[in-house]
Amino acid sequence: METLELVLSACLGIGLAAAAGFRVFVPPLILGIAIRLGVPATDVAPDWLGSWIAIAVFAVAAVVEVGAYYVPWLDNALDTVASPLAVLSGVLLTAGMTSELHPVAQWSLAIVAGGGAAGITQTASVFTRALSSATTGGLANFLVSTVELVCAIAAAVLTLLFAPLAIVMLVGFVVWLRRVYVRRRAAKARQRALLVAGA
């Protein structure tokens, strides 16, 4: 396998892994459908992911997962289960897309980059939902869940169409979330300082 193809397959795996941080079962479902449709980027993916059984299982799991995130308070509880599942999904997706690599390189990349990418987006997702719950009493969680679903679908589709672009966009999204978090912390620190000064 050529070096460029190896890099692209790694990008595909990492991009799909990052998408799994938003919704665990949506990226494998989209990947399975893409394999069925014969999308060129899926040539490196395991064939079984494109089987009708796999697609049906992922479809049911994705519907249950997506629906559960629209149930008030259940969405926050799901994060405790979804976080390790997202990392595991990220590892397996990356390993599946890089099967042409030497096993040591394949699983090292899958664990570090794939698991890490899924973990980062999942952490950003958990933080956003916790912030929404704290500031709006959960009223805005419906919007948060919708944005996460759109991000999962967009990231998976973009990855399959153009993996490097998807990764750049996901990194940009995480950087933006971090800036929001830093600004909120700075604003709270200023408020505390003003309260102390006023006392």
N, C-alpha and C. Protein backbone atom coordinates (compact mmCIF):
# COMPACT_ATOMS: atom_id res chain seq x y z
N MET A 1 0.85 -1.20 0.00
CA MET A 1 0.00 0.00 0.00
C MET A 1 0.89 1.25 0.00
N GLU A 2 0.59 2.21 -0.86
CA GLU A 2 1.38 3.43 -0.97
C GLU A 2 1.26 4.27 0.30
N THR A 3 2.31 5.10 0.53
CA THR A 3 2.33 5.95 1.72
C THR A 3 1.13 6.90 1.76
N LEU A 4 0.79 7.48 0.61
CA LEU A 4 -0.35 8.41 0.55
C LEU A 4 -1.64 7.70 0.93
N GLU A 5 -1.80 6.47 0.44
CA GLU A 5 -3.01 5.72 0.77
C GLU A 5 -3.07 5.37 2.25
N LEU A 6 -1.91 5.07 2.82
CA LEU A 6 -1.86 4.79 4.25
C LEU A 6 -2.25 6.02 5.07
N VAL A 7 -1.75 7.18 4.65
CA VAL A 7 -2.07 8.43 5.34
C VAL A 7 -3.57 8.72 5.22
N LEU A 8 -4.12 8.52 4.02
CA LEU A 8 -5.55 8.77 3.82
C LEU A 8 -6.41 7.80 4.63
N SER A 9 -5.99 6.54 4.71
CA SER A 9 -6.77 5.57 5.50
C SER A 9 -6.71 5.93 6.98
N ALA A 10 -5.54 6.44 7.43
CA ALA A 10 -5.42 6.88 8.82
C ALA A 10 -6.33 8.08 9.07
N CYS A 11 -6.36 9.01 8.11
CA CYS A 11 -7.24 10.18 8.23
C CYS A 11 -8.71 9.75 8.28
N LEU A 12 -9.05 8.78 7.46
CA LEU A 12 -10.43 8.26 7.45
C LEU A 12 -10.80 7.70 8.82
N GLY A 13 -9.90 6.87 9.36
CA GLY A 13 -10.16 6.27 10.66
C GLY A 13 -10.29 7.29 11.77
N ILE A 14 -9.38 8.26 11.78
CA ILE A 14 -9.40 9.29 12.83
C ILE A 14 -10.61 10.19 12.69
N GLY A 15 -10.97 10.54 11.45
CA GLY A 15 -12.15 11.37 11.22
C GLY A 15 -13.43 10.69 11.68
N LEU A 16 -13.57 9.40 11.35
CA LEU A 16 -14.74 8.64 11.79
C LEU A 16 -14.75 8.47 13.30
N ALA A 17 -13.56 8.30 13.87
CA ALA A 17 -13.44 8.17 15.33
C ALA A 17 -13.91 9.45 16.02
N ALA A 18 -13.48 10.59 15.48
CA ALA A 18 -13.89 11.87 16.05
C ALA A 18 -15.41 12.04 15.97
N ALA A 19 -15.99 11.61 14.85
CA ALA A 19 -17.46 11.68 14.70
C ALA A 19 -18.16 10.81 15.73
N ALA A 20 -17.53 9.68 16.09
CA ALA A 20 -18.11 8.78 17.08
C ALA A 20 -18.18 9.42 18.46
N GLY A 21 -17.38 10.46 18.67
CA GLY A 21 -17.43 11.18 19.95
C GLY A 21 -18.74 11.93 20.13
N PHE A 22 -19.40 12.25 19.02
CA PHE A 22 -20.70 12.93 19.09
C PHE A 22 -21.84 11.91 19.23
N ARG A 23 -21.81 10.87 18.41
CA ARG A 23 -22.79 9.79 18.49
C ARG A 23 -22.07 8.49 18.13
N VAL A 24 -22.13 7.53 19.03
CA VAL A 24 -21.34 6.31 18.91
C VAL A 24 -21.68 5.49 17.66
N PHE A 25 -22.98 5.33 17.39
CA PHE A 25 -23.39 4.40 16.34
C PHE A 25 -23.68 5.04 14.98
N VAL A 26 -23.68 6.37 14.92
CA VAL A 26 -23.97 7.04 13.65
C VAL A 26 -22.83 6.85 12.63
N PRO A 27 -21.55 7.06 13.00
CA PRO A 27 -20.47 6.87 12.02
C PRO A 27 -20.38 5.45 11.45
N PRO A 28 -20.48 4.37 12.30
CA PRO A 28 -20.46 3.04 11.70
C PRO A 28 -21.63 2.79 10.74
N LEU A 29 -22.80 3.36 11.06
CA LEU A 29 -23.96 3.23 10.18
C LEU A 29 -23.69 3.91 8.84
N ILE A 30 -23.16 5.14 8.89
CA ILE A 30 -22.86 5.87 7.65
C ILE A 30 -21.77 5.16 6.86
N LEU A 31 -20.78 4.62 7.56
CA LEU A 31 -19.71 3.87 6.89
C LEU A 31 -20.28 2.63 6.20
N GLY A 32 -21.17 1.91 6.88
CA GLY A 32 -21.79 0.73 6.28
C GLY A 32 -22.58 1.06 5.03
N ILE A 33 -23.35 2.15 5.10
CA ILE A 33 -24.13 2.58 3.93
C ILE A 33 -23.20 2.98 2.79
N ALA A 34 -22.10 3.68 3.14
CA ALA A 34 -21.13 4.11 2.12
C ALA A 34 -20.48 2.91 1.44
N ILE A 35 -20.19 1.87 2.22
CA ILE A 35 -19.62 0.64 1.63
C ILE A 35 -20.62 0.03 0.65
N ARG A 36 -21.90 0.00 1.05
CA ARG A 36 -22.95 -0.54 0.18
C ARG A 36 -23.05 0.25 -1.12
N LEU A 37 -22.88 1.58 -1.01
CA LEU A 37 -22.99 2.44 -2.18
C LEU A 37 -21.72 2.45 -3.03
N GLY A 38 -20.67 1.82 -2.51
CA GLY A 38 -19.42 1.74 -3.27
C GLY A 38 -18.62 3.02 -3.27
N VAL A 39 -18.72 3.81 -2.21
CA VAL A 39 -17.91 5.04 -2.11
C VAL A 39 -16.44 4.66 -2.11
N PRO A 40 -15.63 5.26 -2.99
CA PRO A 40 -14.22 4.86 -3.14
C PRO A 40 -13.42 4.82 -1.84
N ALA A 41 -13.66 5.76 -0.93
CA ALA A 41 -12.88 5.84 0.30
C ALA A 41 -13.06 4.62 1.19
N THR A 42 -14.12 3.85 0.95
CA THR A 42 -14.41 2.70 1.83
C THR A 42 -13.71 1.42 1.39
N ASP A 43 -12.85 1.50 0.39
CA ASP A 43 -12.15 0.31 -0.10
C ASP A 43 -11.32 -0.35 1.00
N VAL A 44 -10.84 0.47 1.95
CA VAL A 44 -9.98 -0.07 3.01
C VAL A 44 -10.78 -0.59 4.20
N ALA A 45 -12.09 -0.37 4.20
CA ALA A 45 -12.93 -0.77 5.33
C ALA A 45 -13.24 -2.27 5.27
N PRO A 46 -13.45 -2.89 6.44
CA PRO A 46 -13.83 -4.31 6.47
C PRO A 46 -15.17 -4.51 5.75
N ASP A 47 -15.25 -5.54 4.93
CA ASP A 47 -16.46 -5.79 4.13
C ASP A 47 -17.70 -6.04 4.98
N TRP A 48 -17.52 -6.67 6.15
CA TRP A 48 -18.69 -7.03 6.96
C TRP A 48 -19.48 -5.81 7.43
N LEU A 49 -18.80 -4.64 7.50
CA LEU A 49 -19.50 -3.43 7.91
C LEU A 49 -20.58 -3.03 6.90
N GLY A 50 -20.41 -3.47 5.66
CA GLY A 50 -21.38 -3.14 4.62
C GLY A 50 -22.47 -4.18 4.44
N SER A 51 -22.47 -5.20 5.30
CA SER A 51 -23.52 -6.22 5.19
C SER A 51 -24.85 -5.66 5.69
N TRP A 52 -25.94 -6.23 5.18
CA TRP A 52 -27.26 -5.74 5.58
C TRP A 52 -27.50 -5.95 7.08
N ILE A 53 -26.95 -7.04 7.63
CA ILE A 53 -27.12 -7.30 9.06
C ILE A 53 -26.44 -6.22 9.88
N ALA A 54 -25.20 -5.88 9.52
CA ALA A 54 -24.46 -4.84 10.24
C ALA A 54 -25.17 -3.50 10.14
N ILE A 55 -25.63 -3.16 8.94
CA ILE A 55 -26.34 -1.89 8.75
C ILE A 55 -27.61 -1.85 9.58
N ALA A 56 -28.35 -2.97 9.61
CA ALA A 56 -29.59 -3.02 10.39
C ALA A 56 -29.30 -2.85 11.88
N VAL A 57 -28.27 -3.53 12.38
CA VAL A 57 -27.91 -3.43 13.80
C VAL A 57 -27.49 -2.00 14.14
N PHE A 58 -26.63 -1.42 13.32
CA PHE A 58 -26.19 -0.05 13.57
C PHE A 58 -27.35 0.95 13.46
N ALA A 59 -28.27 0.69 12.54
CA ALA A 59 -29.41 1.60 12.37
C ALA A 59 -30.29 1.59 13.62
N VAL A 60 -30.60 0.41 14.13
CA VAL A 60 -31.42 0.31 15.34
C VAL A 60 -30.71 0.96 16.53
N ALA A 61 -29.41 0.66 16.68
CA ALA A 61 -28.63 1.23 17.78
C ALA A 61 -28.56 2.75 17.67
N ALA A 62 -28.40 3.26 16.45
CA ALA A 62 -28.31 4.71 16.24
C ALA A 62 -29.63 5.39 16.57
N VAL A 63 -30.75 4.80 16.14
CA VAL A 63 -32.07 5.38 16.43
C VAL A 63 -32.31 5.43 17.94
N VAL A 64 -31.99 4.34 18.64
CA VAL A 64 -32.17 4.31 20.11
C VAL A 64 -31.28 5.35 20.77
N GLU A 65 -30.02 5.43 20.34
CA GLU A 65 -29.08 6.39 20.94
C GLU A 65 -29.52 7.82 20.70
N VAL A 66 -29.85 8.13 19.45
CA VAL A 66 -30.27 9.50 19.11
C VAL A 66 -31.54 9.88 19.86
N GLY A 67 -32.51 8.97 19.90
CA GLY A 67 -33.77 9.24 20.60
C GLY A 67 -33.57 9.45 22.08
N ALA A 68 -32.69 8.66 22.69
CA ALA A 68 -32.46 8.77 24.14
C ALA A 68 -31.89 10.13 24.51
N TYR A 69 -31.11 10.72 23.62
CA TYR A 69 -30.51 12.03 23.92
C TYR A 69 -31.53 13.16 23.89
N TYR A 70 -32.75 12.87 23.44
CA TYR A 70 -33.79 13.89 23.47
C TYR A 70 -34.71 13.75 24.68
N VAL A 71 -34.41 12.79 25.54
CA VAL A 71 -35.18 12.62 26.78
C VAL A 71 -34.52 13.44 27.88
N PRO A 72 -35.23 14.41 28.47
CA PRO A 72 -34.63 15.26 29.51
C PRO A 72 -33.99 14.44 30.63
N TRP A 73 -32.82 14.88 31.03
CA TRP A 73 -32.02 14.30 32.12
C TRP A 73 -31.42 12.93 31.76
N LEU A 74 -32.09 12.17 30.90
CA LEU A 74 -31.49 10.90 30.48
C LEU A 74 -30.25 11.17 29.64
N ASP A 75 -30.26 12.30 28.93
CA ASP A 75 -29.11 12.65 28.09
C ASP A 75 -27.83 12.78 28.91
N ASN A 76 -27.93 13.44 30.08
CA ASN A 76 -26.75 13.59 30.93
C ASN A 76 -26.30 12.24 31.49
N ALA A 77 -27.27 11.40 31.87
CA ALA A 77 -26.94 10.08 32.41
C ALA A 77 -26.27 9.21 31.35
N LEU A 78 -26.70 9.37 30.09
CA LEU A 78 -26.13 8.57 29.01
C LEU A 78 -24.65 8.86 28.79
N ASP A 79 -24.22 10.06 29.10
CA ASP A 79 -22.83 10.43 28.88
C ASP A 79 -21.86 9.53 29.64
N THR A 80 -22.27 9.03 30.81
CA THR A 80 -21.39 8.16 31.58
C THR A 80 -21.16 6.83 30.86
N VAL A 81 -22.16 6.39 30.10
CA VAL A 81 -22.03 5.15 29.33
C VAL A 81 -21.41 5.44 27.97
N ALA A 82 -21.82 6.55 27.36
CA ALA A 82 -21.38 6.88 26.00
C ALA A 82 -19.90 7.22 25.93
N SER A 83 -19.34 7.79 26.99
CA SER A 83 -17.93 8.20 26.95
C SER A 83 -16.99 7.04 26.68
N PRO A 84 -17.02 5.96 27.49
CA PRO A 84 -16.12 4.83 27.17
C PRO A 84 -16.49 4.14 25.86
N LEU A 85 -17.78 4.08 25.53
CA LEU A 85 -18.20 3.47 24.26
C LEU A 85 -17.69 4.27 23.06
N ALA A 86 -17.70 5.59 23.18
CA ALA A 86 -17.21 6.45 22.10
C ALA A 86 -15.73 6.21 21.85
N VAL A 87 -14.96 6.11 22.94
CA VAL A 87 -13.51 5.86 22.80
C VAL A 87 -13.28 4.49 22.17
N LEU A 88 -14.01 3.48 22.64
CA LEU A 88 -13.89 2.14 22.07
C LEU A 88 -14.26 2.13 20.59
N SER A 89 -15.36 2.81 20.25
CA SER A 89 -15.79 2.91 18.86
C SER A 89 -14.72 3.60 18.02
N GLY A 90 -14.12 4.66 18.56
CA GLY A 90 -13.05 5.37 17.85
C GLY A 90 -11.85 4.48 17.58
N VAL A 91 -11.48 3.69 18.58
CA VAL A 91 -10.36 2.76 18.43
C VAL A 91 -10.66 1.73 17.33
N LEU A 92 -11.86 1.13 17.38
CA LEU A 92 -12.21 0.08 16.42
C LEU A 92 -12.37 0.62 15.00
N LEU A 93 -12.95 1.82 14.88
CA LEU A 93 -13.11 2.42 13.55
C LEU A 93 -11.75 2.71 12.93
N THR A 94 -10.84 3.27 13.73
CA THR A 94 -9.51 3.59 13.21
C THR A 94 -8.75 2.32 12.87
N ALA A 95 -8.84 1.31 13.73
CA ALA A 95 -8.16 0.04 13.45
C ALA A 95 -8.72 -0.60 12.18
N GLY A 96 -10.04 -0.52 12.00
CA GLY A 96 -10.68 -1.11 10.83
C GLY A 96 -10.25 -0.44 9.53
N MET A 97 -10.02 0.86 9.59
CA MET A 97 -9.65 1.60 8.38
C MET A 97 -8.15 1.53 8.09
N THR A 98 -7.35 1.03 9.04
CA THR A 98 -5.89 0.98 8.85
C THR A 98 -5.37 -0.45 8.93
N SER A 99 -6.16 -1.40 8.48
CA SER A 99 -5.78 -2.81 8.57
C SER A 99 -4.56 -3.17 7.73
N GLU A 100 -4.20 -2.30 6.77
CA GLU A 100 -3.03 -2.56 5.93
C GLU A 100 -1.72 -2.25 6.65
N LEU A 101 -1.80 -1.55 7.77
CA LEU A 101 -0.60 -1.23 8.54
C LEU A 101 -0.12 -2.45 9.32
N HIS A 102 1.13 -2.42 9.73
CA HIS A 102 1.64 -3.45 10.63
C HIS A 102 0.79 -3.41 11.90
N PRO A 103 0.43 -4.56 12.48
CA PRO A 103 -0.45 -4.57 13.66
C PRO A 103 -0.03 -3.65 14.80
N VAL A 104 1.28 -3.54 15.05
CA VAL A 104 1.75 -2.65 16.12
C VAL A 104 1.42 -1.20 15.79
N ALA A 105 1.70 -0.79 14.55
CA ALA A 105 1.39 0.58 14.12
C ALA A 105 -0.11 0.79 14.06
N GLN A 106 -0.83 -0.22 13.57
CA GLN A 106 -2.29 -0.13 13.44
C GLN A 106 -2.96 0.14 14.79
N TRP A 107 -2.64 -0.69 15.78
CA TRP A 107 -3.31 -0.56 17.07
C TRP A 107 -2.78 0.60 17.89
N SER A 108 -1.51 0.97 17.69
CA SER A 108 -0.98 2.16 18.36
C SER A 108 -1.71 3.40 17.86
N LEU A 109 -1.86 3.49 16.54
CA LEU A 109 -2.57 4.62 15.94
C LEU A 109 -4.03 4.61 16.37
N ALA A 110 -4.63 3.42 16.38
CA ALA A 110 -6.05 3.30 16.74
C ALA A 110 -6.30 3.75 18.18
N ILE A 111 -5.45 3.30 19.09
CA ILE A 111 -5.64 3.64 20.51
C ILE A 111 -5.34 5.10 20.79
N VAL A 112 -4.19 5.56 20.29
CA VAL A 112 -3.76 6.94 20.60
C VAL A 112 -4.56 7.97 19.81
N ALA A 113 -4.56 7.83 18.48
CA ALA A 113 -5.23 8.84 17.63
C ALA A 113 -6.74 8.62 17.56
N GLY A 114 -7.16 7.38 17.29
CA GLY A 114 -8.60 7.11 17.18
C GLY A 114 -9.32 7.28 18.50
N GLY A 115 -8.82 6.60 19.53
CA GLY A 115 -9.43 6.74 20.86
C GLY A 115 -9.34 8.16 21.38
N GLY A 116 -8.19 8.81 21.09
CA GLY A 116 -8.01 10.20 21.53
C GLY A 116 -8.97 11.16 20.85
N ALA A 117 -9.15 10.99 19.53
CA ALA A 117 -10.06 11.87 18.78
C ALA A 117 -11.49 11.72 19.28
N ALA A 118 -11.91 10.47 19.48
CA ALA A 118 -13.26 10.22 19.99
C ALA A 118 -13.41 10.78 21.40
N GLY A 119 -12.38 10.60 22.21
CA GLY A 119 -12.42 11.11 23.58
C GLY A 119 -12.52 12.62 23.64
N ILE A 120 -11.80 13.30 22.76
CA ILE A 120 -11.82 14.77 22.74
C ILE A 120 -13.20 15.30 22.36
N THR A 121 -13.77 14.75 21.29
CA THR A 121 -15.09 15.25 20.87
C THR A 121 -16.17 14.86 21.89
N GLN A 122 -16.03 13.68 22.50
CA GLN A 122 -16.99 13.27 23.52
C GLN A 122 -16.89 14.17 24.75
N THR A 123 -15.67 14.53 25.14
CA THR A 123 -15.48 15.44 26.27
C THR A 123 -16.09 16.81 25.98
N ALA A 124 -15.88 17.29 24.76
CA ALA A 124 -16.47 18.57 24.36
C ALA A 124 -17.99 18.49 24.40
N SER A 125 -18.53 17.35 23.98
CA SER A 125 -19.98 17.13 23.98
C SER A 125 -20.52 17.12 25.41
N VAL A 126 -19.84 16.39 26.29
CA VAL A 126 -20.26 16.32 27.70
C VAL A 126 -20.21 17.69 28.34
N PHE A 127 -19.14 18.44 28.07
CA PHE A 127 -18.99 19.78 28.63
C PHE A 127 -20.11 20.70 28.16
N THR A 128 -20.42 20.65 26.87
CA THR A 128 -21.48 21.50 26.31
C THR A 128 -22.83 21.19 26.94
N ARG A 129 -23.13 19.89 27.10
CA ARG A 129 -24.41 19.50 27.68
C ARG A 129 -24.49 19.90 29.16
N ALA A 130 -23.38 19.73 29.89
CA ALA A 130 -23.35 20.11 31.31
C ALA A 130 -23.54 21.61 31.45
N LEU A 131 -22.90 22.36 30.56
CA LEU A 131 -23.04 23.82 30.58
C LEU A 131 -24.48 24.22 30.28
N SER A 132 -25.09 23.55 29.30
CA SER A 132 -26.48 23.82 28.95
C SER A 132 -27.41 23.50 30.12
N SER A 133 -27.16 22.37 30.78
CA SER A 133 -28.01 21.97 31.92
C SER A 133 -27.88 22.95 33.07
N ALA A 134 -26.65 23.45 33.29
CA ALA A 134 -26.41 24.35 34.41
C ALA A 134 -26.98 25.74 34.17
N THR A 135 -26.92 26.19 32.91
CA THR A 135 -27.35 27.57 32.61
C THR A 135 -28.81 27.69 32.20
N THR A 136 -29.38 26.61 31.64
CA THR A 136 -30.77 26.69 31.17
C THR A 136 -31.68 25.67 31.85
N GLY A 137 -31.15 24.94 32.81
CA GLY A 137 -31.95 23.92 33.48
C GLY A 137 -32.32 22.77 32.56
N GLY A 138 -31.53 22.59 31.49
CA GLY A 138 -31.79 21.50 30.55
C GLY A 138 -32.70 21.88 29.40
N LEU A 139 -33.22 23.12 29.40
CA LEU A 139 -34.16 23.53 28.35
C LEU A 139 -33.49 23.59 26.97
N ALA A 140 -32.19 23.90 26.95
CA ALA A 140 -31.48 24.01 25.67
C ALA A 140 -30.82 22.70 25.25
N ASN A 141 -31.00 21.65 26.06
CA ASN A 141 -30.36 20.37 25.73
C ASN A 141 -30.87 19.77 24.42
N PHE A 142 -32.13 20.08 24.08
CA PHE A 142 -32.69 19.61 22.81
C PHE A 142 -31.86 20.17 21.65
N LEU A 143 -31.52 21.45 21.74
CA LEU A 143 -30.70 22.08 20.70
C LEU A 143 -29.30 21.49 20.67
N VAL A 144 -28.72 21.27 21.87
CA VAL A 144 -27.38 20.67 21.96
C VAL A 144 -27.37 19.30 21.30
N SER A 145 -28.39 18.48 21.60
CA SER A 145 -28.47 17.14 21.03
C SER A 145 -28.58 17.18 19.50
N THR A 146 -29.34 18.15 19.00
CA THR A 146 -29.51 18.29 17.56
C THR A 146 -28.19 18.68 16.89
N VAL A 147 -27.48 19.64 17.50
CA VAL A 147 -26.18 20.07 16.96
C VAL A 147 -25.20 18.91 16.95
N GLU A 148 -25.19 18.14 18.03
CA GLU A 148 -24.28 16.98 18.11
C GLU A 148 -24.59 15.96 17.02
N LEU A 149 -25.88 15.71 16.79
CA LEU A 149 -26.27 14.76 15.75
C LEU A 149 -25.83 15.25 14.38
N VAL A 150 -26.06 16.53 14.11
CA VAL A 150 -25.64 17.12 12.83
C VAL A 150 -24.13 17.02 12.67
N CYS A 151 -23.39 17.29 13.76
CA CYS A 151 -21.93 17.20 13.72
C CYS A 151 -21.47 15.78 13.44
N ALA A 152 -22.13 14.79 14.06
CA ALA A 152 -21.77 13.39 13.85
C ALA A 152 -21.97 12.99 12.39
N ILE A 153 -23.12 13.38 11.83
CA ILE A 153 -23.42 13.05 10.44
C ILE A 153 -22.47 13.78 9.49
N ALA A 154 -22.32 15.09 9.71
CA ALA A 154 -21.47 15.90 8.83
C ALA A 154 -20.02 15.44 8.87
N ALA A 155 -19.52 15.17 10.08
CA ALA A 155 -18.13 14.74 10.21
C ALA A 155 -17.90 13.40 9.53
N ALA A 156 -18.83 12.46 9.68
CA ALA A 156 -18.69 11.14 9.06
C ALA A 156 -18.75 11.25 7.53
N VAL A 157 -19.72 12.01 7.03
CA VAL A 157 -19.87 12.15 5.58
C VAL A 157 -18.67 12.88 4.98
N LEU A 158 -18.26 13.98 5.63
CA LEU A 158 -17.10 14.74 5.13
C LEU A 158 -15.84 13.89 5.15
N THR A 159 -15.70 13.08 6.19
CA THR A 159 -14.52 12.22 6.29
C THR A 159 -14.47 11.26 5.11
N LEU A 160 -15.61 10.67 4.77
CA LEU A 160 -15.64 9.72 3.66
C LEU A 160 -15.45 10.40 2.31
N LEU A 161 -15.82 11.68 2.22
CA LEU A 161 -15.65 12.41 0.96
C LEU A 161 -14.28 13.07 0.87
N PHE A 162 -13.83 13.61 2.01
CA PHE A 162 -12.52 14.28 2.03
C PHE A 162 -12.01 14.32 3.46
N ALA A 163 -11.30 13.28 3.83
CA ALA A 163 -10.88 13.07 5.22
C ALA A 163 -10.07 14.23 5.82
N PRO A 164 -9.04 14.76 5.14
CA PRO A 164 -8.26 15.84 5.77
C PRO A 164 -9.10 17.06 6.14
N LEU A 165 -10.07 17.43 5.28
CA LEU A 165 -10.93 18.58 5.57
C LEU A 165 -11.76 18.33 6.83
N ALA A 166 -12.28 17.12 6.96
CA ALA A 166 -13.10 16.79 8.13
C ALA A 166 -12.29 16.92 9.41
N ILE A 167 -11.05 16.46 9.39
CA ILE A 167 -10.21 16.54 10.59
C ILE A 167 -9.92 17.99 10.94
N VAL A 168 -9.63 18.82 9.93
CA VAL A 168 -9.38 20.25 10.18
C VAL A 168 -10.60 20.90 10.81
N MET A 169 -11.79 20.58 10.29
CA MET A 169 -13.03 21.15 10.82
C MET A 169 -13.28 20.71 12.27
N LEU A 170 -13.01 19.44 12.56
CA LEU A 170 -13.22 18.93 13.91
C LEU A 170 -12.25 19.58 14.89
N VAL A 171 -11.01 19.75 14.48
CA VAL A 171 -10.02 20.42 15.34
C VAL A 171 -10.48 21.85 15.60
N GLY A 172 -10.96 22.52 14.55
CA GLY A 172 -11.46 23.89 14.71
C GLY A 172 -12.63 23.96 15.68
N PHE A 173 -13.52 22.98 15.61
CA PHE A 173 -14.68 22.93 16.51
C PHE A 173 -14.23 22.79 17.96
N VAL A 174 -13.27 21.88 18.20
CA VAL A 174 -12.77 21.66 19.57
C VAL A 174 -12.06 22.90 20.09
N VAL A 175 -11.27 23.56 19.23
CA VAL A 175 -10.58 24.79 19.64
C VAL A 175 -11.59 25.87 19.99
N TRP A 176 -12.66 25.98 19.20
CA TRP A 176 -13.71 26.97 19.48
C TRP A 176 -14.38 26.69 20.82
N LEU A 177 -14.70 25.41 21.09
CA LEU A 177 -15.32 25.05 22.37
C LEU A 177 -14.40 25.39 23.54
N ARG A 178 -13.11 25.15 23.36
CA ARG A 178 -12.15 25.45 24.43
C ARG A 178 -12.12 26.96 24.70
N ARG A 179 -12.18 27.75 23.64
CA ARG A 179 -12.18 29.21 23.83
C ARG A 179 -13.42 29.66 24.58
N VAL A 180 -14.57 29.06 24.24
CA VAL A 180 -15.81 29.39 24.95
C VAL A 180 -15.66 29.07 26.43
N TYR A 181 -15.09 27.90 26.72
CA TYR A 181 -14.89 27.48 28.11
C TYR A 181 -13.97 28.44 28.86
N VAL A 182 -12.85 28.82 28.22
CA VAL A 182 -11.88 29.73 28.84
C VAL A 182 -12.52 31.09 29.10
N ARG A 183 -13.30 31.58 28.15
CA ARG A 183 -13.96 32.89 28.32
C ARG A 183 -14.97 32.85 29.46
N ARG A 184 -15.72 31.76 29.56
CA ARG A 184 -16.71 31.63 30.64
C ARG A 184 -16.01 31.59 32.01
N ARG A 185 -14.91 30.87 32.07
CA ARG A 185 -14.16 30.81 33.33
C ARG A 185 -13.62 32.17 33.71
N ALA A 186 -13.12 32.91 32.71
CA ALA A 186 -12.59 34.25 32.96
C ALA A 186 -13.70 35.18 33.43
N ALA A 187 -14.88 35.07 32.82
CA ALA A 187 -16.03 35.91 33.21
C ALA A 187 -16.45 35.60 34.64
N LYS A 188 -16.48 34.31 35.01
CA LYS A 188 -16.84 33.94 36.38
C LYS A 188 -15.81 34.43 37.38
N ALA A 189 -14.54 34.36 36.98
CA ALA A 189 -13.47 34.84 37.87
C ALA A 189 -13.61 36.35 38.11
N ARG A 190 -13.96 37.10 37.06
CA ARG A 190 -14.16 38.54 37.20
C ARG A 190 -15.34 38.85 38.12
N GLN A 191 -16.43 38.06 37.96
CA GLN A 191 -17.61 38.25 38.81
C GLN A 191 -17.27 38.00 40.27
N ARG A 192 -16.49 36.94 40.53
CA ARG A 192 -16.09 36.64 41.91
C ARG A 192 -15.24 37.76 42.48
N ALA A 193 -14.32 38.27 41.64
CA ALA A 193 -13.44 39.35 42.09
C ALA A 193 -14.24 40.60 42.43
N LEU A 194 -15.27 40.89 41.62
CA LEU A 194 -16.12 42.05 41.88
C LEU A 194 -16.92 41.86 43.17
N LEU A 195 -17.41 40.65 43.40
CA LEU A 195 -18.15 40.36 44.63
C LEU A 195 -17.28 40.51 45.88
N VAL A 196 -16.05 40.00 45.76
CA VAL A 196 -15.11 40.13 46.89
C VAL A 196 -14.77 41.58 47.14
N ALA A 197 -14.55 42.33 46.05
CA ALA A 197 -14.22 43.75 46.19
C ALA A 197 -15.39 44.54 46.79
N GLY A 198 -16.62 44.14 46.38
CA GLY A 198 -17.80 44.84 46.89
C GLY A 198 -18.05 44.55 48.36
N ALA A 199 -17.66 43.35 48.79
CA ALA A 199 -17.85 42.98 50.20
C ALA A 199 -16.87 43.74 51.07
